[in-house]
Amino acid sequence: MKVFGLGVDIVDRERVERLTCKGSITCFIEKWLSTDERKYLETTTNKVELFSIIFSIKEAFIKASSGHVKLKDIKKIRVVMSEGAYSVSYDDFLKNKHCWITTNVFPNYTISSVTIVII
């Protein structure tokens, strides 16, 4: 295996909370999340935490792609939670690659790291 890229992102959860209080979070959700992610977000009671997790994973994934995935493609990046773990799908980009995701949630911020390796 060879490391293709590594990306890290930090989301300030207090900033997300302020957007939620102002009612501005809806614009961000529609702009940055896929339809499935928005549906999943509707089922949770802690929307700030889940939005922070999904957004930080997407940002870290873009950075780990080493320029192959652009910010304009962020809705095409799909973050899926299954059995307590997060995974990412993005077209055929991960066809010969594997993606490791680590997420840490703290009271004030969320940190995600994504490592993409060629298999």
PDB file of N, CA and C in Angstrom:
ATOM      1  N   MET A   1       0.833  -1.188   0.000  1.00  0.00           N
ATOM      2  CA  MET A   1       0.000   0.000   0.000  1.00  0.00           C
ATOM      3  C   MET A   1       0.874   1.246   0.000  1.00  0.00           C
ATOM      4  N   LYS A   2       0.362   2.281  -0.626  1.00  0.00           N
ATOM      5  CA  LYS A   2       1.064   3.556  -0.694  1.00  0.00           C
ATOM      6  C   LYS A   2       0.085   4.664  -0.295  1.00  0.00           C
ATOM      7  N   VAL A   3       0.543   5.588   0.550  1.00  0.00           N
ATOM      8  CA  VAL A   3      -0.320   6.690   0.963  1.00  0.00           C
ATOM      9  C   VAL A   3      -0.529   7.631  -0.220  1.00  0.00           C
ATOM     10  N   PHE A   4      -1.776   7.850  -0.552  1.00  0.00           N
ATOM     11  CA  PHE A   4      -2.142   8.761  -1.633  1.00  0.00           C
ATOM     12  C   PHE A   4      -2.282  10.185  -1.104  1.00  0.00           C
ATOM     13  N   GLY A   5      -2.907  10.316   0.072  1.00  0.00           N
ATOM     14  CA  GLY A   5      -3.094  11.645   0.645  1.00  0.00           C
ATOM     15  C   GLY A   5      -3.618  11.582   2.060  1.00  0.00           C
ATOM     16  N   LEU A   6      -3.403  12.666   2.782  1.00  0.00           N
ATOM     17  CA  LEU A   6      -3.856  12.787   4.164  1.00  0.00           C
ATOM     18  C   LEU A   6      -4.502  14.157   4.324  1.00  0.00           C
ATOM     19  N   GLY A   7      -5.665  14.186   4.949  1.00  0.00           N
ATOM     20  CA  GLY A   7      -6.352  15.454   5.180  1.00  0.00           C
ATOM     21  C   GLY A   7      -6.894  15.525   6.589  1.00  0.00           C
ATOM     22  N   VAL A   8      -6.850  16.703   7.167  1.00  0.00           N
ATOM     23  CA  VAL A   8      -7.369  16.938   8.516  1.00  0.00           C
ATOM     24  C   VAL A   8      -8.241  18.186   8.468  1.00  0.00           C
ATOM     25  N   ASP A   9      -9.352  18.160   9.201  1.00  0.00           N
ATOM     26  CA  ASP A   9     -10.203  19.337   9.278  1.00  0.00           C
ATOM     27  C   ASP A   9     -10.764  19.482  10.687  1.00  0.00           C
ATOM     28  N   ILE A  10     -10.904  20.727  11.108  1.00  0.00           N
ATOM     29  CA  ILE A  10     -11.468  21.056  12.417  1.00  0.00           C
ATOM     30  C   ILE A  10     -12.680  21.950  12.192  1.00  0.00           C
ATOM     31  N   VAL A  11     -13.805  21.578  12.800  1.00  0.00           N
ATOM     32  CA  VAL A  11     -15.015  22.390  12.722  1.00  0.00           C
ATOM     33  C   VAL A  11     -15.304  22.950  14.107  1.00  0.00           C
ATOM     34  N   ASP A  12     -15.499  24.250  14.163  1.00  0.00           N
ATOM     35  CA  ASP A  12     -15.856  24.938  15.399  1.00  0.00           C
ATOM     36  C   ASP A  12     -17.356  24.735  15.630  1.00  0.00           C
ATOM     37  N   ARG A  13     -17.696  23.883  16.586  1.00  0.00           N
ATOM     38  CA  ARG A  13     -19.101  23.555  16.819  1.00  0.00           C
ATOM     39  C   ARG A  13     -19.884  24.748  17.356  1.00  0.00           C
ATOM     40  N   GLU A  14     -19.210  25.653  18.053  1.00  0.00           N
ATOM     41  CA  GLU A  14     -19.893  26.856  18.537  1.00  0.00           C
ATOM     42  C   GLU A  14     -20.343  27.725  17.357  1.00  0.00           C
ATOM     43  N   ARG A  15     -19.546  27.752  16.315  1.00  0.00           N
ATOM     44  CA  ARG A  15     -19.926  28.508  15.109  1.00  0.00           C
ATOM     45  C   ARG A  15     -21.146  27.869  14.450  1.00  0.00           C
ATOM     46  N   VAL A  16     -21.161  26.545  14.379  1.00  0.00           N
ATOM     47  CA  VAL A  16     -22.315  25.839  13.819  1.00  0.00           C
ATOM     48  C   VAL A  16     -23.548  26.115  14.683  1.00  0.00           C
ATOM     49  N   GLU A  17     -23.364  26.108  15.990  1.00  0.00           N
ATOM     50  CA  GLU A  17     -24.468  26.403  16.919  1.00  0.00           C
ATOM     51  C   GLU A  17     -25.018  27.813  16.686  1.00  0.00           C
ATOM     52  N   ARG A  18     -24.145  28.783  16.479  1.00  0.00           N
ATOM     53  CA  ARG A  18     -24.587  30.159  16.209  1.00  0.00           C
ATOM     54  C   ARG A  18     -25.385  30.228  14.903  1.00  0.00           C
ATOM     55  N   LEU A  19     -24.928  29.507  13.884  1.00  0.00           N
ATOM     56  CA  LEU A  19     -25.666  29.475  12.616  1.00  0.00           C
ATOM     57  C   LEU A  19     -27.045  28.869  12.811  1.00  0.00           C
ATOM     58  N   THR A  20     -27.115  27.840  13.664  1.00  0.00           N
ATOM     59  CA  THR A  20     -28.388  27.190  13.952  1.00  0.00           C
ATOM     60  C   THR A  20     -29.335  28.164  14.640  1.00  0.00           C
ATOM     61  N   CYS A  21     -28.826  28.905  15.606  1.00  0.00           N
ATOM     62  CA  CYS A  21     -29.651  29.872  16.338  1.00  0.00           C
ATOM     63  C   CYS A  21     -30.160  30.982  15.432  1.00  0.00           C
ATOM     64  N   LYS A  22     -29.344  31.382  14.455  1.00  0.00           N
ATOM     65  CA  LYS A  22     -29.738  32.441  13.519  1.00  0.00           C
ATOM     66  C   LYS A  22     -30.664  31.915  12.424  1.00  0.00           C
ATOM     67  N   GLY A  23     -30.762  30.605  12.310  1.00  0.00           N
ATOM     68  CA  GLY A  23     -31.569  30.016  11.248  1.00  0.00           C
ATOM     69  C   GLY A  23     -30.826  29.883   9.937  1.00  0.00           C
ATOM     70  N   SER A  24     -29.536  30.200   9.926  1.00  0.00           N
ATOM     71  CA  SER A  24     -28.734  30.153   8.697  1.00  0.00           C
ATOM     72  C   SER A  24     -28.246  28.753   8.353  1.00  0.00           C
ATOM     73  N   ILE A  25     -28.365  27.825   9.281  1.00  0.00           N
ATOM     74  CA  ILE A  25     -27.807  26.481   9.076  1.00  0.00           C
ATOM     75  C   ILE A  25     -28.494  25.770   7.908  1.00  0.00           C
ATOM     76  N   THR A  26     -29.757  26.082   7.649  1.00  0.00           N
ATOM     77  CA  THR A  26     -30.490  25.429   6.565  1.00  0.00           C
ATOM     78  C   THR A  26     -29.800  25.651   5.225  1.00  0.00           C
ATOM     79  N   CYS A  27     -29.309  26.855   4.994  1.00  0.00           N
ATOM     80  CA  CYS A  27     -28.594  27.153   3.743  1.00  0.00           C
ATOM     81  C   CYS A  27     -27.336  26.299   3.622  1.00  0.00           C
ATOM     82  N   PHE A  28     -26.607  26.156   4.720  1.00  0.00           N
ATOM     83  CA  PHE A  28     -25.387  25.349   4.708  1.00  0.00           C
ATOM     84  C   PHE A  28     -25.708  23.878   4.478  1.00  0.00           C
ATOM     85  N   ILE A  29     -26.750  23.392   5.129  1.00  0.00           N
ATOM     86  CA  ILE A  29     -27.138  21.987   4.974  1.00  0.00           C
ATOM     87  C   ILE A  29     -27.477  21.700   3.515  1.00  0.00           C
ATOM     88  N   GLU A  30     -28.262  22.563   2.893  1.00  0.00           N
ATOM     89  CA  GLU A  30     -28.646  22.351   1.497  1.00  0.00           C
ATOM     90  C   GLU A  30     -27.462  22.483   0.551  1.00  0.00           C
ATOM     91  N   LYS A  31     -26.515  23.355   0.884  1.00  0.00           N
ATOM     92  CA  LYS A  31     -25.358  23.578   0.011  1.00  0.00           C
ATOM     93  C   LYS A  31     -24.313  22.473   0.123  1.00  0.00           C
ATOM     94  N   TRP A  32     -24.108  21.940   1.328  1.00  0.00           N
ATOM     95  CA  TRP A  32     -22.976  21.047   1.567  1.00  0.00           C
ATOM     96  C   TRP A  32     -23.336  19.569   1.700  1.00  0.00           C
ATOM     97  N   LEU A  33     -24.585  19.234   2.030  1.00  0.00           N
ATOM     98  CA  LEU A  33     -24.925  17.835   2.290  1.00  0.00           C
ATOM     99  C   LEU A  33     -25.747  17.230   1.161  1.00  0.00           C
ATOM    100  N   SER A  34     -25.529  15.940   0.933  1.00  0.00           N
ATOM    101  CA  SER A  34     -26.304  15.210  -0.069  1.00  0.00           C
ATOM    102  C   SER A  34     -27.716  14.960   0.471  1.00  0.00           C
ATOM    103  N   THR A  35     -28.601  14.513  -0.391  1.00  0.00           N
ATOM    104  CA  THR A  35     -29.975  14.228   0.012  1.00  0.00           C
ATOM    105  C   THR A  35     -30.016  13.192   1.125  1.00  0.00           C
ATOM    106  N   ASP A  36     -29.248  12.116   1.000  1.00  0.00           N
ATOM    107  CA  ASP A  36     -29.227  11.074   2.029  1.00  0.00           C
ATOM    108  C   ASP A  36     -28.685  11.600   3.351  1.00  0.00           C
ATOM    109  N   GLU A  37     -27.669  12.437   3.293  1.00  0.00           N
ATOM    110  CA  GLU A  37     -27.105  13.012   4.519  1.00  0.00           C
ATOM    111  C   GLU A  37     -28.114  13.932   5.197  1.00  0.00           C
ATOM    112  N   ARG A  38     -28.856  14.691   4.400  1.00  0.00           N
ATOM    113  CA  ARG A  38     -29.887  15.573   4.971  1.00  0.00           C
ATOM    114  C   ARG A  38     -30.982  14.751   5.638  1.00  0.00           C
ATOM    115  N   LYS A  39     -31.382  13.655   5.001  1.00  0.00           N
ATOM    116  CA  LYS A  39     -32.403  12.782   5.598  1.00  0.00           C
ATOM    117  C   LYS A  39     -31.907  12.194   6.914  1.00  0.00           C
ATOM    118  N   TYR A  40     -30.654  11.753   6.931  1.00  0.00           N
ATOM    119  CA  TYR A  40     -30.079  11.192   8.151  1.00  0.00           C
ATOM    120  C   TYR A  40     -30.001  12.253   9.248  1.00  0.00           C
ATOM    121  N   LEU A  41     -29.672  13.470   8.874  1.00  0.00           N
ATOM    122  CA  LEU A  41     -29.582  14.573   9.830  1.00  0.00           C
ATOM    123  C   LEU A  41     -30.938  14.846  10.475  1.00  0.00           C
ATOM    124  N   GLU A  42     -32.010  14.681   9.712  1.00  0.00           N
ATOM    125  CA  GLU A  42     -33.357  14.910  10.240  1.00  0.00           C
ATOM    126  C   GLU A  42     -33.729  13.910  11.326  1.00  0.00           C
ATOM    127  N   THR A  43     -33.095  12.739  11.326  1.00  0.00           N
ATOM    128  CA  THR A  43     -33.456  11.699  12.294  1.00  0.00           C
ATOM    129  C   THR A  43     -32.726  11.829  13.626  1.00  0.00           C
ATOM    130  N   THR A  44     -31.757  12.719  13.716  1.00  0.00           N
ATOM    131  CA  THR A  44     -30.965  12.827  14.935  1.00  0.00           C
ATOM    132  C   THR A  44     -31.424  14.006  15.790  1.00  0.00           C
ATOM    133  N   THR A  45     -31.202  13.884  17.080  1.00  0.00           N
ATOM    134  CA  THR A  45     -31.553  14.979  17.985  1.00  0.00           C
ATOM    135  C   THR A  45     -30.421  15.991  18.094  1.00  0.00           C
ATOM    136  N   ASN A  46     -29.186  15.575  17.817  1.00  0.00           N
ATOM    137  CA  ASN A  46     -28.044  16.482  17.922  1.00  0.00           C
ATOM    138  C   ASN A  46     -27.535  16.848  16.526  1.00  0.00           C
ATOM    139  N   LYS A  47     -28.261  17.734  15.882  1.00  0.00           N
ATOM    140  CA  LYS A  47     -27.941  18.122  14.510  1.00  0.00           C
ATOM    141  C   LYS A  47     -26.598  18.839  14.397  1.00  0.00           C
ATOM    142  N   VAL A  48     -26.259  19.647  15.397  1.00  0.00           N
ATOM    143  CA  VAL A  48     -24.990  20.377  15.368  1.00  0.00           C
ATOM    144  C   VAL A  48     -23.824  19.393  15.347  1.00  0.00           C
ATOM    145  N   GLU A  49     -23.886  18.383  16.203  1.00  0.00           N
ATOM    146  CA  GLU A  49     -22.799  17.401  16.258  1.00  0.00           C
ATOM    147  C   GLU A  49     -22.686  16.633  14.950  1.00  0.00           C
ATOM    148  N   LEU A  50     -23.801  16.132  14.439  1.00  0.00           N
ATOM    149  CA  LEU A  50     -23.755  15.330  13.213  1.00  0.00           C
ATOM    150  C   LEU A  50     -23.327  16.172  12.013  1.00  0.00           C
ATOM    151  N   PHE A  51     -23.853  17.387  11.887  1.00  0.00           N
ATOM    152  CA  PHE A  51     -23.430  18.253  10.790  1.00  0.00           C
ATOM    153  C   PHE A  51     -21.927  18.504  10.870  1.00  0.00           C
ATOM    154  N   SER A  52     -21.425  18.766  12.072  1.00  0.00           N
ATOM    155  CA  SER A  52     -19.988  19.016  12.260  1.00  0.00           C
ATOM    156  C   SER A  52     -19.159  17.811  11.844  1.00  0.00           C
ATOM    157  N   ILE A  53     -19.628  16.629  12.177  1.00  0.00           N
ATOM    158  CA  ILE A  53     -18.910  15.403  11.811  1.00  0.00           C
ATOM    159  C   ILE A  53     -18.883  15.232  10.291  1.00  0.00           C
ATOM    160  N   ILE A  54     -20.057  15.295   9.678  1.00  0.00           N
ATOM    161  CA  ILE A  54     -20.139  15.090   8.229  1.00  0.00           C
ATOM    162  C   ILE A  54     -19.305  16.131   7.486  1.00  0.00           C
ATOM    163  N   PHE A  55     -19.447  17.394   7.874  1.00  0.00           N
ATOM    164  CA  PHE A  55     -18.727  18.461   7.187  1.00  0.00           C
ATOM    165  C   PHE A  55     -17.218  18.314   7.357  1.00  0.00           C
ATOM    166  N   SER A  56     -16.764  17.981   8.560  1.00  0.00           N
ATOM    167  CA  SER A  56     -15.314  17.846   8.774  1.00  0.00           C
ATOM    168  C   SER A  56     -14.750  16.655   8.008  1.00  0.00           C
ATOM    169  N   ILE A  57     -15.511  15.574   7.897  1.00  0.00           N
ATOM    170  CA  ILE A  57     -15.058  14.422   7.110  1.00  0.00           C
ATOM    171  C   ILE A  57     -14.946  14.812   5.632  1.00  0.00           C
ATOM    172  N   LYS A  58     -15.943  15.507   5.111  1.00  0.00           N
ATOM    173  CA  LYS A  58     -15.903  15.925   3.708  1.00  0.00           C
ATOM    174  C   LYS A  58     -14.706  16.836   3.430  1.00  0.00           C
ATOM    175  N   GLU A  59     -14.484  17.808   4.304  1.00  0.00           N
ATOM    176  CA  GLU A  59     -13.352  18.724   4.126  1.00  0.00           C
ATOM    177  C   GLU A  59     -12.021  17.966   4.196  1.00  0.00           C
ATOM    178  N   ALA A  60     -11.894  17.055   5.148  1.00  0.00           N
ATOM    179  CA  ALA A  60     -10.664  16.271   5.272  1.00  0.00           C
ATOM    180  C   ALA A  60     -10.467  15.383   4.042  1.00  0.00           C
ATOM    181  N   PHE A  61     -11.559  14.838   3.511  1.00  0.00           N
ATOM    182  CA  PHE A  61     -11.486  14.004   2.312  1.00  0.00           C
ATOM    183  C   PHE A  61     -10.991  14.812   1.114  1.00  0.00           C
ATOM    184  N   ILE A  62     -11.509  16.021   0.953  1.00  0.00           N
ATOM    185  CA  ILE A  62     -11.060  16.884  -0.148  1.00  0.00           C
ATOM    186  C   ILE A  62      -9.562  17.128  -0.039  1.00  0.00           C
ATOM    187  N   LYS A  63      -9.090  17.423   1.163  1.00  0.00           N
ATOM    188  CA  LYS A  63      -7.657  17.664   1.372  1.00  0.00           C
ATOM    189  C   LYS A  63      -6.838  16.403   1.093  1.00  0.00           C
ATOM    190  N   ALA A  64      -7.350  15.244   1.507  1.00  0.00           N
ATOM    191  CA  ALA A  64      -6.633  13.985   1.302  1.00  0.00           C
ATOM    192  C   ALA A  64      -6.593  13.574  -0.166  1.00  0.00           C
ATOM    193  N   SER A  65      -7.504  14.106  -0.965  1.00  0.00           N
ATOM    194  CA  SER A  65      -7.548  13.734  -2.385  1.00  0.00           C
ATOM    195  C   SER A  65      -6.419  14.362  -3.191  1.00  0.00           C
ATOM    196  N   SER A  66      -5.622  15.193  -2.561  1.00  0.00           N
ATOM    197  CA  SER A  66      -4.464  15.823  -3.214  1.00  0.00           C
ATOM    198  C   SER A  66      -4.835  16.574  -4.490  1.00  0.00           C
ATOM    199  N   GLY A  67      -5.955  17.272  -4.444  1.00  0.00           N
ATOM    200  CA  GLY A  67      -6.365  18.093  -5.575  1.00  0.00           C
ATOM    201  C   GLY A  67      -7.277  17.416  -6.577  1.00  0.00           C
ATOM    202  N   HIS A  68      -7.540  16.125  -6.421  1.00  0.00           N
ATOM    203  CA  HIS A  68      -8.403  15.423  -7.367  1.00  0.00           C
ATOM    204  C   HIS A  68      -9.883  15.713  -7.135  1.00  0.00           C
ATOM    205  N   VAL A  69     -10.251  16.018  -5.903  1.00  0.00           N
ATOM    206  CA  VAL A  69     -11.629  16.359  -5.563  1.00  0.00           C
ATOM    207  C   VAL A  69     -11.636  17.827  -5.152  1.00  0.00           C
ATOM    208  N   LYS A  70     -12.566  18.582  -5.690  1.00  0.00           N
ATOM    209  CA  LYS A  70     -12.639  20.024  -5.441  1.00  0.00           C
ATOM    210  C   LYS A  70     -13.805  20.349  -4.503  1.00  0.00           C
ATOM    211  N   LEU A  71     -13.732  21.522  -3.892  1.00  0.00           N
ATOM    212  CA  LEU A  71     -14.786  21.973  -2.993  1.00  0.00           C
ATOM    213  C   LEU A  71     -16.138  22.027  -3.696  1.00  0.00           C
ATOM    214  N   LYS A  72     -16.144  22.365  -4.975  1.00  0.00           N
ATOM    215  CA  LYS A  72     -17.406  22.430  -5.730  1.00  0.00           C
ATOM    216  C   LYS A  72     -18.086  21.061  -5.820  1.00  0.00           C
ATOM    217  N   ASP A  73     -17.338  19.992  -5.559  1.00  0.00           N
ATOM    218  CA  ASP A  73     -17.870  18.629  -5.625  1.00  0.00           C
ATOM    219  C   ASP A  73     -18.353  18.112  -4.277  1.00  0.00           C
ATOM    220  N   ILE A  74     -18.434  18.968  -3.267  1.00  0.00           N
ATOM    221  CA  ILE A  74     -18.663  18.504  -1.903  1.00  0.00           C
ATOM    222  C   ILE A  74     -19.983  17.739  -1.738  1.00  0.00           C
ATOM    223  N   LYS A  75     -21.025  18.091  -2.488  1.00  0.00           N
ATOM    224  CA  LYS A  75     -22.293  17.359  -2.372  1.00  0.00           C
ATOM    225  C   LYS A  75     -22.195  15.959  -2.973  1.00  0.00           C
ATOM    226  N   LYS A  76     -21.233  15.750  -3.865  1.00  0.00           N
ATOM    227  CA  LYS A  76     -21.046  14.432  -4.474  1.00  0.00           C
ATOM    228  C   LYS A  76     -20.328  13.469  -3.528  1.00  0.00           C
ATOM    229  N   ILE A  77     -19.632  14.030  -2.546  1.00  0.00           N
ATOM    230  CA  ILE A  77     -18.965  13.201  -1.535  1.00  0.00           C
ATOM    231  C   ILE A  77     -20.046  12.735  -0.575  1.00  0.00           C
ATOM    232  N   ARG A  78     -20.168  11.439  -0.391  1.00  0.00           N
ATOM    233  CA  ARG A  78     -21.212  10.913   0.484  1.00  0.00           C
ATOM    234  C   ARG A  78     -20.585  10.276   1.718  1.00  0.00           C
ATOM    235  N   VAL A  79     -20.987  10.800   2.868  1.00  0.00           N
ATOM    236  CA  VAL A  79     -20.535  10.249   4.146  1.00  0.00           C
ATOM    237  C   VAL A  79     -21.650   9.351   4.662  1.00  0.00           C
ATOM    238  N   VAL A  80     -21.306   8.098   4.958  1.00  0.00           N
ATOM    239  CA  VAL A  80     -22.284   7.111   5.411  1.00  0.00           C
ATOM    240  C   VAL A  80     -21.843   6.569   6.760  1.00  0.00           C
ATOM    241  N   MET A  81     -22.803   6.457   7.683  1.00  0.00           N
ATOM    242  CA  MET A  81     -22.498   5.840   8.968  1.00  0.00           C
ATOM    243  C   MET A  81     -23.130   4.461   8.993  1.00  0.00           C
ATOM    244  N   SER A  82     -22.308   3.465   9.298  1.00  0.00           N
ATOM    245  CA  SER A  82     -22.787   2.094   9.363  1.00  0.00           C
ATOM    246  C   SER A  82     -22.076   1.381  10.502  1.00  0.00           C
ATOM    247  N   GLU A  83     -22.856   0.827  11.394  1.00  0.00           N
ATOM    248  CA  GLU A  83     -22.313   0.091  12.537  1.00  0.00           C
ATOM    249  C   GLU A  83     -21.329   0.940  13.340  1.00  0.00           C
ATOM    250  N   GLY A  84     -21.649   2.218  13.511  1.00  0.00           N
ATOM    251  CA  GLY A  84     -20.833   3.104  14.333  1.00  0.00           C
ATOM    252  C   GLY A  84     -19.579   3.641  13.672  1.00  0.00           C
ATOM    253  N   ALA A  85     -19.381   3.335  12.400  1.00  0.00           N
ATOM    254  CA  ALA A  85     -18.189   3.815  11.688  1.00  0.00           C
ATOM    255  C   ALA A  85     -18.626   4.628  10.470  1.00  0.00           C
ATOM    256  N   TYR A  86     -17.800   5.590  10.103  1.00  0.00           N
ATOM    257  CA  TYR A  86     -18.083   6.427   8.938  1.00  0.00           C
ATOM    258  C   TYR A  86     -17.280   5.941   7.740  1.00  0.00           C
ATOM    259  N   SER A  87     -17.902   6.034   6.575  1.00  0.00           N
ATOM    260  CA  SER A  87     -17.200   5.735   5.331  1.00  0.00           C
ATOM    261  C   SER A  87     -17.556   6.826   4.322  1.00  0.00           C
ATOM    262  N   VAL A  88     -16.763   6.898   3.266  1.00  0.00           N
ATOM    263  CA  VAL A  88     -16.951   7.919   2.241  1.00  0.00           C
ATOM    264  C   VAL A  88     -17.062   7.239   0.888  1.00  0.00           C
ATOM    265  N   SER A  89     -17.956   7.749   0.061  1.00  0.00           N
ATOM    266  CA  SER A  89     -17.993   7.308  -1.333  1.00  0.00           C
ATOM    267  C   SER A  89     -17.959   8.548  -2.214  1.00  0.00           C
ATOM    268  N   TYR A  90     -17.263   8.405  -3.327  1.00  0.00           N
ATOM    269  CA  TYR A  90     -17.170   9.505  -4.293  1.00  0.00           C
ATOM    270  C   TYR A  90     -16.879   8.916  -5.666  1.00  0.00           C
ATOM    271  N   ASP A  91     -17.911   8.831  -6.479  1.00  0.00           N
ATOM    272  CA  ASP A  91     -17.788   8.325  -7.843  1.00  0.00           C
ATOM    273  C   ASP A  91     -16.816   7.143  -7.921  1.00  0.00           C
ATOM    274  N   ASP A  92     -15.947   7.149  -8.917  1.00  0.00           N
ATOM    275  CA  ASP A  92     -14.971   6.068  -9.091  1.00  0.00           C
ATOM    276  C   ASP A  92     -13.612   6.410  -8.500  1.00  0.00           C
ATOM    277  N   PHE A  93     -13.502   7.549  -7.829  1.00  0.00           N
ATOM    278  CA  PHE A  93     -12.215   8.003  -7.306  1.00  0.00           C
ATOM    279  C   PHE A  93     -11.584   6.980  -6.357  1.00  0.00           C
ATOM    280  N   LEU A  94     -12.381   6.311  -5.557  1.00  0.00           N
ATOM    281  CA  LEU A  94     -11.852   5.362  -4.571  1.00  0.00           C
ATOM    282  C   LEU A  94     -11.773   3.936  -5.116  1.00  0.00           C
ATOM    283  N   LYS A  95     -11.889   3.776  -6.430  1.00  0.00           N
ATOM    284  CA  LYS A  95     -11.919   2.444  -7.048  1.00  0.00           C
ATOM    285  C   LYS A  95     -10.728   1.578  -6.645  1.00  0.00           C
ATOM    286  N   ASN A  96      -9.522   2.088  -6.696  1.00  0.00           N
ATOM    287  CA  ASN A  96      -8.334   1.303  -6.332  1.00  0.00           C
ATOM    288  C   ASN A  96      -7.690   1.854  -5.056  1.00  0.00           C
ATOM    289  N   LYS A  97      -8.531   2.482  -4.222  1.00  0.00           N
ATOM    290  CA  LYS A  97      -8.015   3.111  -3.006  1.00  0.00           C
ATOM    291  C   LYS A  97      -8.862   2.704  -1.803  1.00  0.00           C
ATOM    292  N   HIS A  98      -8.274   2.861  -0.634  1.00  0.00           N
ATOM    293  CA  HIS A  98      -9.010   2.646   0.610  1.00  0.00           C
ATOM    294  C   HIS A  98      -8.925   3.927   1.420  1.00  0.00           C
ATOM    295  N   CYS A  99      -9.969   4.196   2.165  1.00  0.00           N
ATOM    296  CA  CYS A  99     -10.062   5.445   2.912  1.00  0.00           C
ATOM    297  C   CYS A  99     -10.249   5.132   4.399  1.00  0.00           C
ATOM    298  N   TRP A 100      -9.348   5.640   5.243  1.00  0.00           N
ATOM    299  CA  TRP A 100      -9.475   5.506   6.692  1.00  0.00           C
ATOM    300  C   TRP A 100      -9.927   6.837   7.259  1.00  0.00           C
ATOM    301  N   ILE A 101     -10.937   6.784   8.124  1.00  0.00           N
ATOM    302  CA  ILE A 101     -11.491   8.002   8.719  1.00  0.00           C
ATOM    303  C   ILE A 101     -11.401   7.906  10.232  1.00  0.00           C
ATOM    304  N   THR A 102     -10.912   8.977  10.838  1.00  0.00           N
ATOM    305  CA  THR A 102     -10.898   9.100  12.293  1.00  0.00           C
ATOM    306  C   THR A 102     -11.599  10.401  12.642  1.00  0.00           C
ATOM    307  N   THR A 103     -12.549  10.324  13.554  1.00  0.00           N
ATOM    308  CA  THR A 103     -13.276  11.516  13.982  1.00  0.00           C
ATOM    309  C   THR A 103     -13.275  11.592  15.498  1.00  0.00           C
ATOM    310  N   ASN A 104     -12.969  12.773  16.007  1.00  0.00           N
ATOM    311  CA  ASN A 104     -13.016  13.031  17.443  1.00  0.00           C
ATOM    312  C   ASN A 104     -13.945  14.205  17.688  1.00  0.00           C
ATOM    313  N   VAL A 105     -14.913  13.992  18.577  1.00  0.00           N
ATOM    314  CA  VAL A 105     -15.888  15.027  18.895  1.00  0.00           C
ATOM    315  C   VAL A 105     -15.606  15.539  20.299  1.00  0.00           C
ATOM    316  N   PHE A 106     -15.411  16.837  20.393  1.00  0.00           N
ATOM    317  CA  PHE A 106     -15.165  17.504  21.666  1.00  0.00           C
ATOM    318  C   PHE A 106     -16.298  18.501  21.900  1.00  0.00           C
ATOM    319  N   PRO A 107     -16.428  19.040  23.109  1.00  0.00           N
ATOM    320  CA  PRO A 107     -17.527  19.984  23.372  1.00  0.00           C
ATOM    321  C   PRO A 107     -17.553  21.189  22.426  1.00  0.00           C
ATOM    322  N   ASN A 108     -16.393  21.708  22.044  1.00  0.00           N
ATOM    323  CA  ASN A 108     -16.364  22.927  21.235  1.00  0.00           C
ATOM    324  C   ASN A 108     -15.964  22.728  19.783  1.00  0.00           C
ATOM    325  N   TYR A 109     -15.437  21.563  19.443  1.00  0.00           N
ATOM    326  CA  TYR A 109     -15.005  21.359  18.065  1.00  0.00           C
ATOM    327  C   TYR A 109     -14.992  19.881  17.702  1.00  0.00           C
ATOM    328  N   THR A 110     -14.969  19.635  16.404  1.00  0.00           N
ATOM    329  CA  THR A 110     -14.894  18.283  15.853  1.00  0.00           C
ATOM    330  C   THR A 110     -13.677  18.224  14.943  1.00  0.00           C
ATOM    331  N   ILE A 111     -12.883  17.175  15.108  1.00  0.00           N
ATOM    332  CA  ILE A 111     -11.694  16.981  14.276  1.00  0.00           C
ATOM    333  C   ILE A 111     -11.853  15.670  13.508  1.00  0.00           C
ATOM    334  N   SER A 112     -11.631  15.726  12.215  1.00  0.00           N
ATOM    335  CA  SER A 112     -11.645  14.511  11.398  1.00  0.00           C
ATOM    336  C   SER A 112     -10.364  14.437  10.593  1.00  0.00           C
ATOM    337  N   SER A 113      -9.858  13.224  10.460  1.00  0.00           N
ATOM    338  CA  SER A 113      -8.716  12.997   9.579  1.00  0.00           C
ATOM    339  C   SER A 113      -9.080  11.880   8.610  1.00  0.00           C
ATOM    340  N   VAL A 114      -8.628  12.045   7.391  1.00  0.00           N
ATOM    341  CA  VAL A 114      -8.875  11.053   6.347  1.00  0.00           C
ATOM    342  C   VAL A 114      -7.538  10.699   5.719  1.00  0.00           C
ATOM    343  N   THR A 115      -7.260   9.411   5.646  1.00  0.00           N
ATOM    344  CA  THR A 115      -6.070   8.913   4.971  1.00  0.00           C
ATOM    345  C   THR A 115      -6.529   8.055   3.796  1.00  0.00           C
ATOM    346  N   ILE A 116      -6.037   8.374   2.620  1.00  0.00           N
ATOM    347  CA  ILE A 116      -6.363   7.596   1.426  1.00  0.00           C
ATOM    348  C   ILE A 116      -5.109   6.852   0.996  1.00  0.00           C
ATOM    349  N   VAL A 117      -5.242   5.535   0.832  1.00  0.00           N
ATOM    350  CA  VAL A 117      -4.108   4.725   0.392  1.00  0.00           C
ATOM    351  C   VAL A 117      -4.475   4.007  -0.900  1.00  0.00           C
ATOM    352  N   ILE A 118      -3.472   3.789  -1.723  1.00  0.00           N
ATOM    353  CA  ILE A 118      -3.647   3.027  -2.956  1.00  0.00           C
ATOM    354  C   ILE A 118      -3.439   1.562  -2.617  1.00  0.00           C
ATOM    355  N   ILE A 119      -4.395   0.724  -3.024  1.00  0.00           N
ATOM    356  CA  ILE A 119      -4.289  -0.710  -2.718  1.00  0.00           C
ATOM    357  C   ILE A 119      -3.965  -1.508  -3.963  1.00  0.00           C
TER     358      ILE A 119
END
